[in-house]
Amino acid sequence: MRYSILSKYRTELMGVAILWVMLFHSFDLDMGLSVLELFRAAGFGGVDIFLLLSSMGLVMSLARREQSYSTFMARRAGRVLPAYYLVMVPYTLFQVLTRGAPLSALLWNASLLYYWVRPAGAFNWYVAGSMSLYAITPFCFRRLRASRRRECLTAAGVLLGLVIGRVLMVDGYWYSMDLVFRLPIFCLGLLLGFYVLEDRRLGTRDILFWCVWLGLGVLYLLTMGKGPNADYRPLCYLFLFTTVPMCFAICWCFERLPLGWAQRFFRLLGRHSLEIYLLNVSLFSEVTLLRRFVSFGPSNRLYFLLSYAANIALAVALHRLVELWKKTRETA
């Protein structure tokens, strides 16, 4: 097996990730079994998969075509922002009209400064956070490409991310941690991008390293909640150790097991993961409001099943609308 398997099944992995995130956002969904409840509660780890694969893909994009910084950022904005604005604008206006959010929230959300200013009516953090990571990617890419010690630079980036997170946690800047928690996994994704480009084989030493890396994650899990500094060992950092091995395990399943229909389903989710996410954290986060129209008992399993189906269907429609708008612009 080679590292390129992560690129081969990148879309399917993003589909797995978005479904996990959707489960995480279903806060009162009764899964029936305690182990499934734990799996649902850890669904924010899907975002780590997103960012790992995103930074990996950005390295491959930068390596395959020379582009200026402005062109690079314009391409990223062109991929993310049209769908974002189509969801953000009506949802922010809804917040203004029904929740008392100031009209200025529309300006903060449109400029992507909402994550740092934190006004009332701020949109979900992911778009502003990911665009912030995109902004530093070309610099990181150039440094890694020019280095003969990419692993050392990556380790330094991981440690720097952990230090920044520790300082911000101690000083009480918890609102920024959605992004800061993911800086280390972002660095790992950059390194994996170069491994994919080099068509590096997942040899015995690599497998041993990732097994030890996963073992460190187990040790981290066992120490969480213990000792005087327990508050600064959050569950989020567990995914620094588990995300890459988990992605390899999922890819192995797609490669070796007869998962035809499941693979097609996850590929569908992956192709529309951005739109699914945007709708999931806006329209479909209004559970109390939506349940005035649809409710199916205390477990709400059928409610969530139907809401997932509606979420995915609307995301497909949103994706097609954005693509149609882009084609219209190109031909205009």
C-alpha atoms as a PDB file:
ATOM      1  CA  MET A   1       0.000   0.000   0.000  1.00  0.00           C
ATOM      2  CA  ARG A   2       1.193   3.524  -0.786  1.00  0.00           C
ATOM      3  CA  TYR A   3       0.418   6.936   0.628  1.00  0.00           C
ATOM      4  CA  SER A   4      -1.363   7.688  -2.649  1.00  0.00           C
ATOM      5  CA  ILE A   5      -4.268   5.593  -1.378  1.00  0.00           C
ATOM      6  CA  LEU A   6      -5.256   8.671   0.654  1.00  0.00           C
ATOM      7  CA  SER A   7      -5.588  10.598  -2.604  1.00  0.00           C
ATOM      8  CA  LYS A   8      -7.351   7.729  -4.365  1.00  0.00           C
ATOM      9  CA  TYR A   9     -10.104   7.612  -1.739  1.00  0.00           C
ATOM     10  CA  ARG A  10      -9.987  11.273  -0.725  1.00  0.00           C
ATOM     11  CA  THR A  11     -13.591  11.935  -1.770  1.00  0.00           C
ATOM     12  CA  GLU A  12     -14.876   8.858   0.073  1.00  0.00           C
ATOM     13  CA  LEU A  13     -12.927   9.847   3.194  1.00  0.00           C
ATOM     14  CA  MET A  14     -14.530  13.284   3.109  1.00  0.00           C
ATOM     15  CA  GLY A  15     -17.898  11.563   2.831  1.00  0.00           C
ATOM     16  CA  VAL A  16     -17.159   9.519   5.943  1.00  0.00           C
ATOM     17  CA  ALA A  17     -16.019  12.692   7.702  1.00  0.00           C
ATOM     18  CA  ILE A  18     -19.143  14.722   6.889  1.00  0.00           C
ATOM     19  CA  LEU A  19     -21.449  11.935   8.008  1.00  0.00           C
ATOM     20  CA  TRP A  20     -19.531  11.754  11.302  1.00  0.00           C
ATOM     21  CA  VAL A  21     -19.857  15.528  11.714  1.00  0.00           C
ATOM     22  CA  MET A  22     -23.593  15.331  11.039  1.00  0.00           C
ATOM     23  CA  LEU A  23     -23.894  12.717  13.783  1.00  0.00           C
ATOM     24  CA  PHE A  24     -21.951  14.971  16.161  1.00  0.00           C
ATOM     25  CA  HIS A  25     -24.324  17.864  15.505  1.00  0.00           C
ATOM     26  CA  SER A  26     -27.309  15.611  16.309  1.00  0.00           C
ATOM     27  CA  PHE A  27     -26.831  16.271  19.998  1.00  0.00           C
ATOM     28  CA  ASP A  28     -29.940  14.531  21.305  1.00  0.00           C
ATOM     29  CA  LEU A  29     -29.978  11.612  18.872  1.00  0.00           C
ATOM     30  CA  ASP A  30     -30.440   8.363  20.784  1.00  0.00           C
ATOM     31  CA  MET A  31     -28.031   5.866  19.209  1.00  0.00           C
ATOM     32  CA  GLY A  32     -29.227   3.023  21.416  1.00  0.00           C
ATOM     33  CA  LEU A  33     -25.796   1.724  22.498  1.00  0.00           C
ATOM     34  CA  SER A  34     -23.210   3.442  24.690  1.00  0.00           C
ATOM     35  CA  VAL A  35     -20.392   2.699  22.235  1.00  0.00           C
ATOM     36  CA  LEU A  36     -22.391   4.349  19.446  1.00  0.00           C
ATOM     37  CA  GLU A  37     -23.099   7.308  21.708  1.00  0.00           C
ATOM     38  CA  LEU A  38     -19.344   7.727  22.245  1.00  0.00           C
ATOM     39  CA  PHE A  39     -18.787   7.480  18.499  1.00  0.00           C
ATOM     40  CA  ARG A  40     -21.408  10.182  17.860  1.00  0.00           C
ATOM     41  CA  ALA A  41     -20.046  12.444  20.602  1.00  0.00           C
ATOM     42  CA  ALA A  42     -16.552  12.279  19.050  1.00  0.00           C
ATOM     43  CA  GLY A  43     -17.868  13.317  15.636  1.00  0.00           C
ATOM     44  CA  PHE A  44     -16.024  16.630  15.691  1.00  0.00           C
ATOM     45  CA  GLY A  45     -13.048  14.473  14.667  1.00  0.00           C
ATOM     46  CA  GLY A  46     -14.534  14.553  11.176  1.00  0.00           C
ATOM     47  CA  VAL A  47     -13.274  18.127  10.884  1.00  0.00           C
ATOM     48  CA  ASP A  48      -9.729  16.866  11.509  1.00  0.00           C
ATOM     49  CA  ILE A  49     -10.168  14.485   8.571  1.00  0.00           C
ATOM     50  CA  PHE A  50     -11.363  17.403   6.433  1.00  0.00           C
ATOM     51  CA  LEU A  51      -8.356  19.560   7.283  1.00  0.00           C
ATOM     52  CA  LEU A  52      -5.870  16.715   6.902  1.00  0.00           C
ATOM     53  CA  LEU A  53      -7.172  15.926   3.416  1.00  0.00           C
ATOM     54  CA  SER A  54      -7.544  19.598   2.536  1.00  0.00           C
ATOM     55  CA  SER A  55      -3.929  20.497   3.332  1.00  0.00           C
ATOM     56  CA  MET A  56      -2.772  17.336   1.554  1.00  0.00           C
ATOM     57  CA  GLY A  57      -4.759  18.327  -1.538  1.00  0.00           C
ATOM     58  CA  LEU A  58      -3.442  21.905  -1.449  1.00  0.00           C
ATOM     59  CA  VAL A  59       0.151  20.653  -1.563  1.00  0.00           C
ATOM     60  CA  MET A  60      -0.678  18.559  -4.624  1.00  0.00           C
ATOM     61  CA  SER A  61      -2.390  21.527  -6.284  1.00  0.00           C
ATOM     62  CA  LEU A  62       0.540  23.880  -5.639  1.00  0.00           C
ATOM     63  CA  ALA A  63       3.048  21.311  -6.870  1.00  0.00           C
ATOM     64  CA  ARG A  64       1.212  20.615 -10.129  1.00  0.00           C
ATOM     65  CA  ARG A  65       0.722  24.198 -11.258  1.00  0.00           C
ATOM     66  CA  GLU A  66       2.728  27.334 -10.607  1.00  0.00           C
ATOM     67  CA  GLN A  67       0.441  30.065  -9.347  1.00  0.00           C
ATOM     68  CA  SER A  68       0.755  33.390  -7.641  1.00  0.00           C
ATOM     69  CA  TYR A  69      -0.472  33.878  -4.103  1.00  0.00           C
ATOM     70  CA  SER A  70      -3.443  35.927  -5.320  1.00  0.00           C
ATOM     71  CA  THR A  71      -4.377  33.243  -7.870  1.00  0.00           C
ATOM     72  CA  PHE A  72      -4.125  30.534  -5.241  1.00  0.00           C
ATOM     73  CA  MET A  73      -6.377  32.391  -2.803  1.00  0.00           C
ATOM     74  CA  ALA A  74      -8.807  33.333  -5.578  1.00  0.00           C
ATOM     75  CA  ARG A  75      -9.158  29.653  -6.510  1.00  0.00           C
ATOM     76  CA  ARG A  76      -9.821  28.706  -2.884  1.00  0.00           C
ATOM     77  CA  ALA A  77     -12.332  31.533  -2.482  1.00  0.00           C
ATOM     78  CA  GLY A  78     -14.038  30.541  -5.735  1.00  0.00           C
ATOM     79  CA  ARG A  79     -14.498  27.011  -4.426  1.00  0.00           C
ATOM     80  CA  VAL A  80     -15.752  27.897  -0.949  1.00  0.00           C
ATOM     81  CA  LEU A  81     -17.359  31.331  -0.866  1.00  0.00           C
ATOM     82  CA  PRO A  82     -20.231  31.123  -3.414  1.00  0.00           C
ATOM     83  CA  ALA A  83     -21.926  28.292  -1.504  1.00  0.00           C
ATOM     84  CA  TYR A  84     -21.033  29.980   1.780  1.00  0.00           C
ATOM     85  CA  TYR A  85     -22.714  33.261   0.827  1.00  0.00           C
ATOM     86  CA  LEU A  86     -25.802  31.509  -0.529  1.00  0.00           C
ATOM     87  CA  VAL A  87     -26.277  29.887   2.876  1.00  0.00           C
ATOM     88  CA  MET A  88     -24.832  32.531   5.175  1.00  0.00           C
ATOM     89  CA  VAL A  89     -26.778  35.575   3.939  1.00  0.00           C
ATOM     90  CA  PRO A  90     -30.333  34.204   4.422  1.00  0.00           C
ATOM     91  CA  TYR A  91     -29.366  32.479   7.677  1.00  0.00           C
ATOM     92  CA  THR A  92     -27.813  35.657   9.098  1.00  0.00           C
ATOM     93  CA  LEU A  93     -30.894  37.645   8.091  1.00  0.00           C
ATOM     94  CA  PHE A  94     -32.973  35.004   9.875  1.00  0.00           C
ATOM     95  CA  GLN A  95     -30.863  35.588  12.989  1.00  0.00           C
ATOM     96  CA  VAL A  96     -31.312  39.347  12.646  1.00  0.00           C
ATOM     97  CA  LEU A  97     -35.088  39.151  12.220  1.00  0.00           C
ATOM     98  CA  THR A  98     -35.836  36.461  14.829  1.00  0.00           C
ATOM     99  CA  ARG A  99     -32.941  36.361  17.322  1.00  0.00           C
ATOM    100  CA  GLY A 100     -32.108  40.036  17.732  1.00  0.00           C
ATOM    101  CA  ALA A 101     -28.685  39.761  16.092  1.00  0.00           C
ATOM    102  CA  PRO A 102     -27.390  43.145  14.878  1.00  0.00           C
ATOM    103  CA  LEU A 103     -27.456  43.869  11.176  1.00  0.00           C
ATOM    104  CA  SER A 104     -23.689  44.335  11.386  1.00  0.00           C
ATOM    105  CA  ALA A 105     -23.433  40.540  11.773  1.00  0.00           C
ATOM    106  CA  LEU A 106     -24.042  40.366   8.031  1.00  0.00           C
ATOM    107  CA  LEU A 107     -20.940  42.513   7.438  1.00  0.00           C
ATOM    108  CA  TRP A 108     -18.784  40.509   9.842  1.00  0.00           C
ATOM    109  CA  ASN A 109     -19.916  37.203   8.356  1.00  0.00           C
ATOM    110  CA  ALA A 110     -19.442  38.418   4.776  1.00  0.00           C
ATOM    111  CA  SER A 111     -15.893  39.626   5.487  1.00  0.00           C
ATOM    112  CA  LEU A 112     -14.997  36.379   7.336  1.00  0.00           C
ATOM    113  CA  LEU A 113     -13.865  38.467  10.302  1.00  0.00           C
ATOM    114  CA  TYR A 114     -16.668  37.059  12.453  1.00  0.00           C
ATOM    115  CA  TYR A 115     -14.462  34.277  13.808  1.00  0.00           C
ATOM    116  CA  TRP A 116     -12.047  36.780  15.326  1.00  0.00           C
ATOM    117  CA  VAL A 117     -14.572  39.459  16.360  1.00  0.00           C
ATOM    118  CA  ARG A 118     -17.242  37.023  17.630  1.00  0.00           C
ATOM    119  CA  PRO A 119     -20.308  39.258  17.155  1.00  0.00           C
ATOM    120  CA  ALA A 120     -23.836  38.136  17.941  1.00  0.00           C
ATOM    121  CA  GLY A 121     -25.142  36.233  14.946  1.00  0.00           C
ATOM    122  CA  ALA A 122     -21.704  34.954  13.920  1.00  0.00           C
ATOM    123  CA  PHE A 123     -21.747  32.038  11.482  1.00  0.00           C
ATOM    124  CA  ASN A 124     -20.087  28.688  12.102  1.00  0.00           C
ATOM    125  CA  TRP A 125     -16.295  28.938  12.426  1.00  0.00           C
ATOM    126  CA  TYR A 126     -15.212  26.485   9.719  1.00  0.00           C
ATOM    127  CA  VAL A 127     -15.178  28.690   6.611  1.00  0.00           C
ATOM    128  CA  ALA A 128     -13.275  31.549   8.247  1.00  0.00           C
ATOM    129  CA  GLY A 129     -10.946  29.067   9.933  1.00  0.00           C
ATOM    130  CA  SER A 130     -10.169  27.084   6.801  1.00  0.00           C
ATOM    131  CA  MET A 131      -9.576  30.253   4.753  1.00  0.00           C
ATOM    132  CA  SER A 132      -7.099  31.350   7.448  1.00  0.00           C
ATOM    133  CA  LEU A 133      -5.212  28.067   7.008  1.00  0.00           C
ATOM    134  CA  TYR A 134      -5.317  28.447   3.228  1.00  0.00           C
ATOM    135  CA  ALA A 135      -3.693  31.854   3.638  1.00  0.00           C
ATOM    136  CA  ILE A 136      -0.547  30.363   5.188  1.00  0.00           C
ATOM    137  CA  THR A 137      -0.401  27.253   2.982  1.00  0.00           C
ATOM    138  CA  PRO A 138       1.770  28.663   0.127  1.00  0.00           C
ATOM    139  CA  PHE A 139       4.415  29.792   2.621  1.00  0.00           C
ATOM    140  CA  CYS A 140       4.421  26.399   4.362  1.00  0.00           C
ATOM    141  CA  PHE A 141       4.513  24.631   0.993  1.00  0.00           C
ATOM    142  CA  ARG A 142       7.582  26.543  -0.180  1.00  0.00           C
ATOM    143  CA  ARG A 143       9.449  25.875   3.053  1.00  0.00           C
ATOM    144  CA  LEU A 144       8.696  22.159   2.955  1.00  0.00           C
ATOM    145  CA  ARG A 145       9.499  21.816  -0.746  1.00  0.00           C
ATOM    146  CA  ALA A 146      12.892  23.449  -0.264  1.00  0.00           C
ATOM    147  CA  SER A 147      13.758  21.389   2.806  1.00  0.00           C
ATOM    148  CA  ARG A 148      15.529  18.044   2.943  1.00  0.00           C
ATOM    149  CA  ARG A 149      14.175  17.556   6.458  1.00  0.00           C
ATOM    150  CA  ARG A 150      10.450  17.779   5.920  1.00  0.00           C
ATOM    151  CA  GLU A 151       9.691  15.487   8.846  1.00  0.00           C
ATOM    152  CA  CYS A 152      11.651  17.756  11.193  1.00  0.00           C
ATOM    153  CA  LEU A 153       9.871  20.858   9.916  1.00  0.00           C
ATOM    154  CA  THR A 154       6.530  19.087  10.280  1.00  0.00           C
ATOM    155  CA  ALA A 155       7.386  18.061  13.836  1.00  0.00           C
ATOM    156  CA  ALA A 156       8.297  21.678  14.584  1.00  0.00           C
ATOM    157  CA  GLY A 157       4.974  22.845  13.136  1.00  0.00           C
ATOM    158  CA  VAL A 158       3.074  20.285  15.206  1.00  0.00           C
ATOM    159  CA  LEU A 159       4.889  21.335  18.390  1.00  0.00           C
ATOM    160  CA  LEU A 160       4.349  25.029  17.602  1.00  0.00           C
ATOM    161  CA  GLY A 161       0.630  24.380  17.151  1.00  0.00           C
ATOM    162  CA  LEU A 162       0.497  22.559  20.485  1.00  0.00           C
ATOM    163  CA  VAL A 163       2.355  25.400  22.218  1.00  0.00           C
ATOM    164  CA  ILE A 164       0.058  28.047  20.739  1.00  0.00           C
ATOM    165  CA  GLY A 165      -2.951  26.005  21.829  1.00  0.00           C
ATOM    166  CA  ARG A 166      -1.605  25.620  25.347  1.00  0.00           C
ATOM    167  CA  VAL A 167      -0.938  29.360  25.708  1.00  0.00           C
ATOM    168  CA  LEU A 168      -4.388  30.308  24.419  1.00  0.00           C
ATOM    169  CA  MET A 169      -6.086  27.764  26.680  1.00  0.00           C
ATOM    170  CA  VAL A 170      -4.249  28.987  29.764  1.00  0.00           C
ATOM    171  CA  ASP A 171      -5.111  32.594  28.917  1.00  0.00           C
ATOM    172  CA  GLY A 172      -8.767  31.688  28.387  1.00  0.00           C
ATOM    173  CA  TYR A 173      -9.086  32.174  24.619  1.00  0.00           C
ATOM    174  CA  TRP A 174     -11.245  29.094  24.234  1.00  0.00           C
ATOM    175  CA  TYR A 175     -13.299  30.632  21.426  1.00  0.00           C
ATOM    176  CA  SER A 176     -10.265  30.348  19.117  1.00  0.00           C
ATOM    177  CA  MET A 177      -9.586  26.703  19.808  1.00  0.00           C
ATOM    178  CA  ASP A 178     -11.785  25.259  17.045  1.00  0.00           C
ATOM    179  CA  LEU A 179      -9.054  26.361  14.650  1.00  0.00           C
ATOM    180  CA  VAL A 180      -5.981  26.180  16.883  1.00  0.00           C
ATOM    181  CA  PHE A 181      -6.705  22.581  17.901  1.00  0.00           C
ATOM    182  CA  ARG A 182      -6.331  21.659  14.217  1.00  0.00           C
ATOM    183  CA  LEU A 183      -2.981  23.356  13.492  1.00  0.00           C
ATOM    184  CA  PRO A 184      -1.000  20.155  14.200  1.00  0.00           C
ATOM    185  CA  ILE A 185      -3.189  17.985  11.948  1.00  0.00           C
ATOM    186  CA  PHE A 186      -2.922  20.655   9.247  1.00  0.00           C
ATOM    187  CA  CYS A 187       0.883  20.290   9.392  1.00  0.00           C
ATOM    188  CA  LEU A 188       0.624  16.507   9.096  1.00  0.00           C
ATOM    189  CA  GLY A 189      -1.579  16.910   6.032  1.00  0.00           C
ATOM    190  CA  LEU A 190       1.062  19.061   4.318  1.00  0.00           C
ATOM    191  CA  LEU A 191       3.675  16.350   4.836  1.00  0.00           C
ATOM    192  CA  LEU A 192       1.334  13.650   3.552  1.00  0.00           C
ATOM    193  CA  GLY A 193       0.785  15.736   0.423  1.00  0.00           C
ATOM    194  CA  PHE A 194       4.492  15.466  -0.396  1.00  0.00           C
ATOM    195  CA  TYR A 195       4.442  11.738   0.343  1.00  0.00           C
ATOM    196  CA  VAL A 196       1.588  11.307  -2.135  1.00  0.00           C
ATOM    197  CA  LEU A 197       3.440  13.339  -4.778  1.00  0.00           C
ATOM    198  CA  GLU A 198       6.543  11.190  -4.271  1.00  0.00           C
ATOM    199  CA  ASP A 199       4.408   8.042  -4.534  1.00  0.00           C
ATOM    200  CA  ARG A 200       5.991   6.927  -1.293  1.00  0.00           C
ATOM    201  CA  ARG A 201       5.368   3.355  -0.254  1.00  0.00           C
ATOM    202  CA  LEU A 202       3.775   2.672   3.121  1.00  0.00           C
ATOM    203  CA  GLY A 203       6.638   0.411   4.170  1.00  0.00           C
ATOM    204  CA  THR A 204       7.350  -1.441   7.379  1.00  0.00           C
ATOM    205  CA  ARG A 205       8.976   1.572   9.056  1.00  0.00           C
ATOM    206  CA  ASP A 206       6.036   3.776   8.119  1.00  0.00           C
ATOM    207  CA  ILE A 207       3.518   1.276   9.436  1.00  0.00           C
ATOM    208  CA  LEU A 208       5.523   0.921  12.648  1.00  0.00           C
ATOM    209  CA  PHE A 209       5.647   4.698  13.054  1.00  0.00           C
ATOM    210  CA  TRP A 210       1.903   5.117  12.637  1.00  0.00           C
ATOM    211  CA  CYS A 211       1.239   2.230  15.028  1.00  0.00           C
ATOM    212  CA  VAL A 212       3.455   3.898  17.659  1.00  0.00           C
ATOM    213  CA  TRP A 213       1.758   7.215  16.867  1.00  0.00           C
ATOM    214  CA  LEU A 214      -1.618   5.580  17.466  1.00  0.00           C
ATOM    215  CA  GLY A 215      -0.268   4.088  20.700  1.00  0.00           C
ATOM    216  CA  LEU A 216       0.629   7.584  21.883  1.00  0.00           C
ATOM    217  CA  GLY A 217      -2.989   8.492  21.226  1.00  0.00           C
ATOM    218  CA  VAL A 218      -4.108   5.647  23.477  1.00  0.00           C
ATOM    219  CA  LEU A 219      -1.785   6.912  26.219  1.00  0.00           C
ATOM    220  CA  TYR A 220      -3.146  10.421  25.749  1.00  0.00           C
ATOM    221  CA  LEU A 221      -6.697   9.107  26.057  1.00  0.00           C
ATOM    222  CA  LEU A 222      -5.817   7.295  29.290  1.00  0.00           C
ATOM    223  CA  THR A 223      -4.341  10.452  30.852  1.00  0.00           C
ATOM    224  CA  MET A 224      -7.242  12.732  29.922  1.00  0.00           C
ATOM    225  CA  GLY A 225      -9.204  13.993  32.901  1.00  0.00           C
ATOM    226  CA  LYS A 226      -6.427  13.098  35.327  1.00  0.00           C
ATOM    227  CA  GLY A 227      -3.947  15.266  37.186  1.00  0.00           C
ATOM    228  CA  PRO A 228      -3.766  19.008  37.890  1.00  0.00           C
ATOM    229  CA  ASN A 229      -3.608  19.982  34.189  1.00  0.00           C
ATOM    230  CA  ALA A 230      -6.542  17.846  33.034  1.00  0.00           C
ATOM    231  CA  ASP A 231      -8.408  20.867  31.638  1.00  0.00           C
ATOM    232  CA  TYR A 232      -5.583  21.430  29.157  1.00  0.00           C
ATOM    233  CA  ARG A 233      -5.680  17.881  27.749  1.00  0.00           C
ATOM    234  CA  PRO A 234      -8.935  18.080  25.731  1.00  0.00           C
ATOM    235  CA  LEU A 235     -10.347  15.294  23.597  1.00  0.00           C
ATOM    236  CA  CYS A 236      -9.671  17.315  20.441  1.00  0.00           C
ATOM    237  CA  TYR A 237      -5.947  16.588  20.588  1.00  0.00           C
ATOM    238  CA  LEU A 238      -6.638  12.863  20.527  1.00  0.00           C
ATOM    239  CA  PHE A 239      -7.298  13.183  16.795  1.00  0.00           C
ATOM    240  CA  LEU A 240      -3.759  14.392  16.201  1.00  0.00           C
ATOM    241  CA  PHE A 241      -2.743  10.775  16.887  1.00  0.00           C
ATOM    242  CA  THR A 242      -5.701   8.890  15.455  1.00  0.00           C
ATOM    243  CA  THR A 243      -6.705  10.690  12.240  1.00  0.00           C
ATOM    244  CA  VAL A 244      -3.981   9.409   9.910  1.00  0.00           C
ATOM    245  CA  PRO A 245      -4.168   5.749  11.085  1.00  0.00           C
ATOM    246  CA  MET A 246      -7.965   5.977  10.918  1.00  0.00           C
ATOM    247  CA  CYS A 247      -7.824   7.253   7.327  1.00  0.00           C
ATOM    248  CA  PHE A 248      -5.499   4.411   6.324  1.00  0.00           C
ATOM    249  CA  ALA A 249      -7.841   1.883   7.936  1.00  0.00           C
ATOM    250  CA  ILE A 250     -10.863   3.303   6.096  1.00  0.00           C
ATOM    251  CA  CYS A 251      -8.956   3.319   2.793  1.00  0.00           C
ATOM    252  CA  TRP A 252      -7.959  -0.301   3.349  1.00  0.00           C
ATOM    253  CA  CYS A 253     -11.631  -1.162   3.784  1.00  0.00           C
ATOM    254  CA  PHE A 254     -12.546   0.608   0.530  1.00  0.00           C
ATOM    255  CA  GLU A 255      -9.652  -1.126  -1.231  1.00  0.00           C
ATOM    256  CA  ARG A 256     -10.198  -4.681   0.021  1.00  0.00           C
ATOM    257  CA  LEU A 257     -13.854  -5.070   0.988  1.00  0.00           C
ATOM    258  CA  PRO A 258     -16.918  -5.293  -1.295  1.00  0.00           C
ATOM    259  CA  LEU A 259     -18.365  -1.911  -0.328  1.00  0.00           C
ATOM    260  CA  GLY A 260     -19.727  -0.905  -3.719  1.00  0.00           C
ATOM    261  CA  TRP A 261     -22.973   0.813  -2.716  1.00  0.00           C
ATOM    262  CA  ALA A 262     -21.474   2.221   0.495  1.00  0.00           C
ATOM    263  CA  GLN A 263     -18.495   3.581  -1.407  1.00  0.00           C
ATOM    264  CA  ARG A 264     -20.778   5.278  -3.943  1.00  0.00           C
ATOM    265  CA  PHE A 265     -22.792   6.797  -1.090  1.00  0.00           C
ATOM    266  CA  PHE A 266     -19.701   8.168   0.649  1.00  0.00           C
ATOM    267  CA  ARG A 267     -18.402   9.481  -2.683  1.00  0.00           C
ATOM    268  CA  LEU A 268     -21.685  11.369  -3.105  1.00  0.00           C
ATOM    269  CA  LEU A 269     -21.357  12.827   0.382  1.00  0.00           C
ATOM    270  CA  GLY A 270     -17.721  13.734  -0.207  1.00  0.00           C
ATOM    271  CA  ARG A 271     -18.409  15.578  -3.455  1.00  0.00           C
ATOM    272  CA  HIS A 272     -20.996  17.720  -1.673  1.00  0.00           C
ATOM    273  CA  SER A 273     -19.364  17.830   1.775  1.00  0.00           C
ATOM    274  CA  LEU A 274     -18.957  21.623   1.869  1.00  0.00           C
ATOM    275  CA  GLU A 275     -22.595  22.258   0.995  1.00  0.00           C
ATOM    276  CA  ILE A 276     -23.782  19.555   3.406  1.00  0.00           C
ATOM    277  CA  TYR A 277     -21.730  21.139   6.192  1.00  0.00           C
ATOM    278  CA  LEU A 278     -22.973  24.674   5.519  1.00  0.00           C
ATOM    279  CA  LEU A 279     -26.607  23.607   5.584  1.00  0.00           C
ATOM    280  CA  ASN A 280     -26.051  21.317   8.553  1.00  0.00           C
ATOM    281  CA  VAL A 281     -24.706  24.103  10.790  1.00  0.00           C
ATOM    282  CA  SER A 282     -27.363  26.608   9.727  1.00  0.00           C
ATOM    283  CA  LEU A 283     -30.795  25.461   8.559  1.00  0.00           C
ATOM    284  CA  PHE A 284     -30.581  21.978  10.053  1.00  0.00           C
ATOM    285  CA  SER A 285     -29.176  23.260  13.336  1.00  0.00           C
ATOM    286  CA  GLU A 286     -32.578  24.804  14.028  1.00  0.00           C
ATOM    287  CA  VAL A 287     -33.815  21.532  15.517  1.00  0.00           C
ATOM    288  CA  THR A 288     -36.350  23.084  17.889  1.00  0.00           C
ATOM    289  CA  LEU A 289     -37.936  25.065  15.072  1.00  0.00           C
ATOM    290  CA  LEU A 290     -37.966  22.170  12.600  1.00  0.00           C
ATOM    291  CA  ARG A 291     -39.494  19.787  15.121  1.00  0.00           C
ATOM    292  CA  ARG A 292     -42.576  21.938  15.263  1.00  0.00           C
ATOM    293  CA  PHE A 293     -43.317  20.509  11.844  1.00  0.00           C
ATOM    294  CA  VAL A 294     -41.805  17.001  12.124  1.00  0.00           C
ATOM    295  CA  SER A 295     -41.399  14.882  15.265  1.00  0.00           C
ATOM    296  CA  PHE A 296     -41.305  11.120  15.733  1.00  0.00           C
ATOM    297  CA  GLY A 297     -41.116  10.219  19.397  1.00  0.00           C
ATOM    298  CA  PRO A 298     -38.538  10.687  22.160  1.00  0.00           C
ATOM    299  CA  SER A 299     -35.576   9.089  20.350  1.00  0.00           C
ATOM    300  CA  ASN A 300     -36.078  11.236  17.233  1.00  0.00           C
ATOM    301  CA  ARG A 301     -34.239   8.682  15.116  1.00  0.00           C
ATOM    302  CA  LEU A 302     -36.701   8.949  12.254  1.00  0.00           C
ATOM    303  CA  TYR A 303     -36.568  12.746  12.496  1.00  0.00           C
ATOM    304  CA  PHE A 304     -32.803  12.743  12.058  1.00  0.00           C
ATOM    305  CA  LEU A 305     -32.960  10.180   9.270  1.00  0.00           C
ATOM    306  CA  LEU A 306     -35.342  12.425   7.347  1.00  0.00           C
ATOM    307  CA  SER A 307     -33.358  15.566   8.159  1.00  0.00           C
ATOM    308  CA  TYR A 308     -30.159  13.925   6.908  1.00  0.00           C
ATOM    309  CA  ALA A 309     -31.880  12.979   3.658  1.00  0.00           C
ATOM    310  CA  ALA A 310     -33.211  16.524   3.250  1.00  0.00           C
ATOM    311  CA  ASN A 311     -29.794  17.979   4.160  1.00  0.00           C
ATOM    312  CA  ILE A 312     -28.050  15.900   1.495  1.00  0.00           C
ATOM    313  CA  ALA A 313     -30.698  16.579  -1.174  1.00  0.00           C
ATOM    314  CA  LEU A 314     -30.559  20.346  -0.606  1.00  0.00           C
ATOM    315  CA  ALA A 315     -26.755  20.228  -0.636  1.00  0.00           C
ATOM    316  CA  VAL A 316     -26.773  18.514  -4.035  1.00  0.00           C
ATOM    317  CA  ALA A 317     -29.151  21.184  -5.338  1.00  0.00           C
ATOM    318  CA  LEU A 318     -26.978  23.961  -3.865  1.00  0.00           C
ATOM    319  CA  HIS A 319     -23.857  22.473  -5.460  1.00  0.00           C
ATOM    320  CA  ARG A 320     -25.546  22.330  -8.866  1.00  0.00           C
ATOM    321  CA  LEU A 321     -26.773  25.903  -8.490  1.00  0.00           C
ATOM    322  CA  VAL A 322     -23.242  27.132  -7.740  1.00  0.00           C
ATOM    323  CA  GLU A 323     -21.791  25.158 -10.658  1.00  0.00           C
ATOM    324  CA  LEU A 324     -24.457  26.568 -12.991  1.00  0.00           C
ATOM    325  CA  TRP A 325     -23.630  30.104 -11.816  1.00  0.00           C
ATOM    326  CA  LYS A 326     -19.906  29.502 -12.450  1.00  0.00           C
ATOM    327  CA  LYS A 327     -20.560  28.210 -15.976  1.00  0.00           C
ATOM    328  CA  THR A 328     -22.791  31.203 -16.675  1.00  0.00           C
ATOM    329  CA  ARG A 329     -20.005  33.544 -15.580  1.00  0.00           C
ATOM    330  CA  GLU A 330     -17.444  31.751 -17.738  1.00  0.00           C
ATOM    331  CA  THR A 331     -19.601  32.031 -20.849  1.00  0.00           C
ATOM    332  CA  ALA A 332     -20.721  35.598 -20.192  1.00  0.00           C
END
